Amino acid sequence: MLDAYKRREYFFKPYKRKHFVLNTEELATLFHFPGQVSTTPTFTRIESKKAEAPANLPI
């Protein structure tokens, strides 16, 4: 089963696409959404609302 997983690109059609290379900044943005440090002109920042936890929350 592990061997089939390693060789999955040979028998599963979607894995036959060409690969592409990301630089470190592009790769980091996949896992770390832009925050206060990086500016993103296409995203508008909104403040989130803060509220207390529900009183009937089972603990």
PDB file of N, CA and C in Angstrom:
ATOM      1  N   MET A   1       0.823  -1.187   0.000  1.00  0.00           N
ATOM      2  CA  MET A   1       0.000   0.000   0.000  1.00  0.00           C
ATOM      3  C   MET A   1       0.869   1.253   0.000  1.00  0.00           C
ATOM      4  N   LEU A   2       1.938   1.250   0.791  1.00  0.00           N
ATOM      5  CA  LEU A   2       2.833   2.403   0.822  1.00  0.00           C
ATOM      6  C   LEU A   2       3.524   2.588  -0.519  1.00  0.00           C
ATOM      7  N   ASP A   3       3.891   1.488  -1.144  1.00  0.00           N
ATOM      8  CA  ASP A   3       4.537   1.561  -2.446  1.00  0.00           C
ATOM      9  C   ASP A   3       3.585   2.151  -3.484  1.00  0.00           C
ATOM     10  N   ALA A   4       2.311   1.779  -3.425  1.00  0.00           N
ATOM     11  CA  ALA A   4       1.316   2.335  -4.342  1.00  0.00           C
ATOM     12  C   ALA A   4       1.148   3.832  -4.108  1.00  0.00           C
ATOM     13  N   TYR A   5       1.237   4.267  -2.859  1.00  0.00           N
ATOM     14  CA  TYR A   5       1.145   5.695  -2.554  1.00  0.00           C
ATOM     15  C   TYR A   5       2.327   6.449  -3.153  1.00  0.00           C
ATOM     16  N   LYS A   6       3.513   5.889  -3.058  1.00  0.00           N
ATOM     17  CA  LYS A   6       4.702   6.531  -3.621  1.00  0.00           C
ATOM     18  C   LYS A   6       4.606   6.631  -5.142  1.00  0.00           C
ATOM     19  N   ARG A   7       4.016   5.632  -5.779  1.00  0.00           N
ATOM     20  CA  ARG A   7       3.929   5.611  -7.231  1.00  0.00           C
ATOM     21  C   ARG A   7       2.602   6.164  -7.747  1.00  0.00           C
ATOM     22  N   ARG A   8       1.836   6.886  -6.935  1.00  0.00           N
ATOM     23  CA  ARG A   8       0.499   7.329  -7.305  1.00  0.00           C
ATOM     24  C   ARG A   8       0.483   8.220  -8.535  1.00  0.00           C
ATOM     25  N   GLU A   9       1.550   8.939  -8.810  1.00  0.00           N
ATOM     26  CA  GLU A   9       1.559   9.824  -9.968  1.00  0.00           C
ATOM     27  C   GLU A   9       1.512   9.050 -11.279  1.00  0.00           C
ATOM     28  N   TYR A  10       1.860   7.777 -11.268  1.00  0.00           N
ATOM     29  CA  TYR A  10       1.882   6.998 -12.496  1.00  0.00           C
ATOM     30  C   TYR A  10       0.518   6.443 -12.870  1.00  0.00           C
ATOM     31  N   PHE A  11      -0.350   6.228 -11.884  1.00  0.00           N
ATOM     32  CA  PHE A  11      -1.620   5.610 -12.227  1.00  0.00           C
ATOM     33  C   PHE A  11      -2.832   6.491 -11.953  1.00  0.00           C
ATOM     34  N   PHE A  12      -2.648   7.677 -11.403  1.00  0.00           N
ATOM     35  CA  PHE A  12      -3.773   8.564 -11.119  1.00  0.00           C
ATOM     36  C   PHE A  12      -3.674   9.773 -12.033  1.00  0.00           C
ATOM     37  N   LYS A  13      -4.630   9.931 -12.926  1.00  0.00           N
ATOM     38  CA  LYS A  13      -4.579  10.918 -14.003  1.00  0.00           C
ATOM     39  C   LYS A  13      -4.326  12.362 -13.540  1.00  0.00           C
ATOM     40  N   PRO A  14      -5.005  12.884 -12.508  1.00  0.00           N
ATOM     41  CA  PRO A  14      -4.762  14.289 -12.127  1.00  0.00           C
ATOM     42  C   PRO A  14      -3.325  14.585 -11.709  1.00  0.00           C
ATOM     43  N   TYR A  15      -2.558  13.575 -11.280  1.00  0.00           N
ATOM     44  CA  TYR A  15      -1.183  13.828 -10.867  1.00  0.00           C
ATOM     45  C   TYR A  15      -0.230  13.936 -12.054  1.00  0.00           C
ATOM     46  N   LYS A  16      -0.715  13.804 -13.271  1.00  0.00           N
ATOM     47  CA  LYS A  16       0.154  13.869 -14.440  1.00  0.00           C
ATOM     48  C   LYS A  16       0.340  15.300 -14.938  1.00  0.00           C
ATOM     49  N   ARG A  17      -0.208  16.273 -14.231  1.00  0.00           N
ATOM     50  CA  ARG A  17      -0.022  17.672 -14.627  1.00  0.00           C
ATOM     51  C   ARG A  17       1.413  18.107 -14.396  1.00  0.00           C
ATOM     52  N   LYS A  18       1.804  19.181 -15.079  1.00  0.00           N
ATOM     53  CA  LYS A  18       3.146  19.713 -14.885  1.00  0.00           C
ATOM     54  C   LYS A  18       3.236  20.383 -13.521  1.00  0.00           C
ATOM     55  N   HIS A  19       4.403  20.300 -12.932  1.00  0.00           N
ATOM     56  CA  HIS A  19       4.627  20.895 -11.620  1.00  0.00           C
ATOM     57  C   HIS A  19       5.047  22.354 -11.782  1.00  0.00           C
ATOM     58  N   PHE A  20       4.901  23.129 -10.746  1.00  0.00           N
ATOM     59  CA  PHE A  20       5.366  24.501 -10.773  1.00  0.00           C
ATOM     60  C   PHE A  20       6.116  24.784  -9.484  1.00  0.00           C
ATOM     61  N   VAL A  21       6.985  25.767  -9.547  1.00  0.00           N
ATOM     62  CA  VAL A  21       7.856  26.083  -8.419  1.00  0.00           C
ATOM     63  C   VAL A  21       7.386  27.376  -7.777  1.00  0.00           C
ATOM     64  N   LEU A  22       7.318  27.388  -6.448  1.00  0.00           N
ATOM     65  CA  LEU A  22       6.971  28.590  -5.697  1.00  0.00           C
ATOM     66  C   LEU A  22       8.196  29.069  -4.937  1.00  0.00           C
ATOM     67  N   ASN A  23       8.353  30.393  -4.843  1.00  0.00           N
ATOM     68  CA  ASN A  23       9.435  30.896  -3.998  1.00  0.00           C
ATOM     69  C   ASN A  23       8.963  30.863  -2.544  1.00  0.00           C
ATOM     70  N   THR A  24       9.846  31.202  -1.625  1.00  0.00           N
ATOM     71  CA  THR A  24       9.520  31.068  -0.202  1.00  0.00           C
ATOM     72  C   THR A  24       8.360  31.966   0.220  1.00  0.00           C
ATOM     73  N   GLU A  25       8.279  33.159  -0.337  1.00  0.00           N
ATOM     74  CA  GLU A  25       7.193  34.067   0.032  1.00  0.00           C
ATOM     75  C   GLU A  25       5.845  33.539  -0.463  1.00  0.00           C
ATOM     76  N   GLU A  26       5.811  33.036  -1.686  1.00  0.00           N
ATOM     77  CA  GLU A  26       4.571  32.484  -2.225  1.00  0.00           C
ATOM     78  C   GLU A  26       4.137  31.243  -1.454  1.00  0.00           C
ATOM     79  N   LEU A  27       5.092  30.412  -1.109  1.00  0.00           N
ATOM     80  CA  LEU A  27       4.782  29.206  -0.350  1.00  0.00           C
ATOM     81  C   LEU A  27       4.270  29.549   1.048  1.00  0.00           C
ATOM     82  N   ALA A  28       4.847  30.564   1.670  1.00  0.00           N
ATOM     83  CA  ALA A  28       4.424  30.965   3.013  1.00  0.00           C
ATOM     84  C   ALA A  28       3.000  31.511   3.012  1.00  0.00           C
ATOM     85  N   THR A  29       2.587  32.198   1.942  1.00  0.00           N
ATOM     86  CA  THR A  29       1.235  32.758   1.918  1.00  0.00           C
ATOM     87  C   THR A  29       0.171  31.681   1.762  1.00  0.00           C
ATOM     88  N   LEU A  30       0.545  30.487   1.349  1.00  0.00           N
ATOM     89  CA  LEU A  30      -0.431  29.400   1.309  1.00  0.00           C
ATOM     90  C   LEU A  30      -0.832  28.972   2.710  1.00  0.00           C
ATOM     91  N   PHE A  31       0.092  29.085   3.654  1.00  0.00           N
ATOM     92  CA  PHE A  31      -0.149  28.615   5.013  1.00  0.00           C
ATOM     93  C   PHE A  31      -0.322  29.745   6.021  1.00  0.00           C
ATOM     94  N   HIS A  32       0.116  30.941   5.693  1.00  0.00           N
ATOM     95  CA  HIS A  32       0.006  32.090   6.597  1.00  0.00           C
ATOM     96  C   HIS A  32      -0.693  33.208   5.839  1.00  0.00           C
ATOM     97  N   PHE A  33      -1.967  33.384   6.127  1.00  0.00           N
ATOM     98  CA  PHE A  33      -2.731  34.429   5.452  1.00  0.00           C
ATOM     99  C   PHE A  33      -2.149  35.789   5.808  1.00  0.00           C
ATOM    100  N   PRO A  34      -2.086  36.732   4.885  1.00  0.00           N
ATOM    101  CA  PRO A  34      -1.474  38.042   5.159  1.00  0.00           C
ATOM    102  C   PRO A  34      -2.078  38.718   6.383  1.00  0.00           C
ATOM    103  N   GLY A  35      -1.224  39.301   7.200  1.00  0.00           N
ATOM    104  CA  GLY A  35      -1.669  39.951   8.427  1.00  0.00           C
ATOM    105  C   GLY A  35      -1.369  41.434   8.412  1.00  0.00           C
ATOM    106  N   GLN A  36      -1.046  41.991   9.565  1.00  0.00           N
ATOM    107  CA  GLN A  36      -0.772  43.421   9.695  1.00  0.00           C
ATOM    108  C   GLN A  36       0.515  43.813   8.983  1.00  0.00           C
ATOM    109  N   VAL A  37       1.481  42.918   8.938  1.00  0.00           N
ATOM    110  CA  VAL A  37       2.790  43.251   8.380  1.00  0.00           C
ATOM    111  C   VAL A  37       2.734  43.419   6.872  1.00  0.00           C
ATOM    112  N   SER A  38       2.123  42.480   6.185  1.00  0.00           N
ATOM    113  CA  SER A  38       2.074  42.562   4.723  1.00  0.00           C
ATOM    114  C   SER A  38       0.796  43.279   4.299  1.00  0.00           C
ATOM    115  N   THR A  39       0.954  44.164   3.368  1.00  0.00           N
ATOM    116  CA  THR A  39      -0.204  44.905   2.879  1.00  0.00           C
ATOM    117  C   THR A  39      -0.767  44.186   1.662  1.00  0.00           C
ATOM    118  N   THR A  40      -2.070  44.087   1.616  1.00  0.00           N
ATOM    119  CA  THR A  40      -2.742  43.451   0.488  1.00  0.00           C
ATOM    120  C   THR A  40      -3.820  44.402  -0.007  1.00  0.00           C
ATOM    121  N   PRO A  41      -3.600  45.033  -1.147  1.00  0.00           N
ATOM    122  CA  PRO A  41      -4.564  46.022  -1.636  1.00  0.00           C
ATOM    123  C   PRO A  41      -5.909  45.421  -2.044  1.00  0.00           C
ATOM    124  N   THR A  42      -5.954  44.133  -2.328  1.00  0.00           N
ATOM    125  CA  THR A  42      -7.216  43.533  -2.768  1.00  0.00           C
ATOM    126  C   THR A  42      -8.087  43.065  -1.614  1.00  0.00           C
ATOM    127  N   PHE A  43      -7.531  42.996  -0.399  1.00  0.00           N
ATOM    128  CA  PHE A  43      -8.301  42.579   0.771  1.00  0.00           C
ATOM    129  C   PHE A  43      -8.567  43.781   1.656  1.00  0.00           C
ATOM    130  N   THR A  44      -9.818  43.933   2.078  1.00  0.00           N
ATOM    131  CA  THR A  44     -10.128  45.000   3.027  1.00  0.00           C
ATOM    132  C   THR A  44     -10.172  44.396   4.420  1.00  0.00           C
ATOM    133  N   ARG A  45      -9.551  45.069   5.361  1.00  0.00           N
ATOM    134  CA  ARG A  45      -9.484  44.571   6.733  1.00  0.00           C
ATOM    135  C   ARG A  45     -10.713  45.061   7.502  1.00  0.00           C
ATOM    136  N   ILE A  46     -11.373  44.143   8.202  1.00  0.00           N
ATOM    137  CA  ILE A  46     -12.507  44.497   9.048  1.00  0.00           C
ATOM    138  C   ILE A  46     -12.224  43.994  10.454  1.00  0.00           C
ATOM    139  N   GLU A  47     -12.731  44.690  11.415  1.00  0.00           N
ATOM    140  CA  GLU A  47     -12.560  44.286  12.808  1.00  0.00           C
ATOM    141  C   GLU A  47     -13.574  43.201  13.134  1.00  0.00           C
ATOM    142  N   SER A  48     -13.142  42.202  13.846  1.00  0.00           N
ATOM    143  CA  SER A  48     -14.064  41.132  14.231  1.00  0.00           C
ATOM    144  C   SER A  48     -14.782  41.515  15.516  1.00  0.00           C
ATOM    145  N   LYS A  49     -15.983  41.024  15.661  1.00  0.00           N
ATOM    146  CA  LYS A  49     -16.752  41.287  16.866  1.00  0.00           C
ATOM    147  C   LYS A  49     -16.347  40.294  17.935  1.00  0.00           C
ATOM    148  N   LYS A  50     -16.264  40.753  19.166  1.00  0.00           N
ATOM    149  CA  LYS A  50     -15.906  39.887  20.280  1.00  0.00           C
ATOM    150  C   LYS A  50     -17.122  39.744  21.184  1.00  0.00           C
ATOM    151  N   ALA A  51     -17.361  38.520  21.625  1.00  0.00           N
ATOM    152  CA  ALA A  51     -18.510  38.250  22.487  1.00  0.00           C
ATOM    153  C   ALA A  51     -18.116  37.222  23.533  1.00  0.00           C
ATOM    154  N   GLU A  52     -18.900  37.153  24.571  1.00  0.00           N
ATOM    155  CA  GLU A  52     -18.687  36.170  25.626  1.00  0.00           C
ATOM    156  C   GLU A  52     -19.100  34.787  25.135  1.00  0.00           C
ATOM    157  N   ALA A  53     -18.583  33.768  25.771  1.00  0.00           N
ATOM    158  CA  ALA A  53     -18.981  32.396  25.453  1.00  0.00           C
ATOM    159  C   ALA A  53     -20.423  32.177  25.890  1.00  0.00           C
ATOM    160  N   PRO A  54     -21.158  31.292  25.239  1.00  0.00           N
ATOM    161  CA  PRO A  54     -22.540  31.026  25.640  1.00  0.00           C
ATOM    162  C   PRO A  54     -22.610  30.490  27.070  1.00  0.00           C
ATOM    163  N   ALA A  55     -23.645  30.868  27.782  1.00  0.00           N
ATOM    164  CA  ALA A  55     -23.797  30.445  29.179  1.00  0.00           C
ATOM    165  C   ALA A  55     -24.073  28.946  29.293  1.00  0.00           C
ATOM    166  N   ASN A  56     -24.711  28.353  28.298  1.00  0.00           N
ATOM    167  CA  ASN A  56     -25.060  26.932  28.367  1.00  0.00           C
ATOM    168  C   ASN A  56     -24.019  26.044  27.679  1.00  0.00           C
ATOM    169  N   LEU A  57     -22.808  26.498  27.558  1.00  0.00           N
ATOM    170  CA  LEU A  57     -21.743  25.725  26.915  1.00  0.00           C
ATOM    171  C   LEU A  57     -21.313  24.582  27.825  1.00  0.00           C
ATOM    172  N   PRO A  58     -21.424  23.332  27.366  1.00  0.00           N
ATOM    173  CA  PRO A  58     -21.025  22.207  28.227  1.00  0.00           C
ATOM    174  C   PRO A  58     -19.506  22.138  28.356  1.00  0.00           C
ATOM    175  N   ILE A  59     -19.062  22.000  29.581  1.00  0.00           N
ATOM    176  CA  ILE A  59     -17.611  21.938  29.835  1.00  0.00           C
ATOM    177  C   ILE A  59     -17.244  20.573  30.356  1.00  0.00           C
TER     178      ILE A  59
END
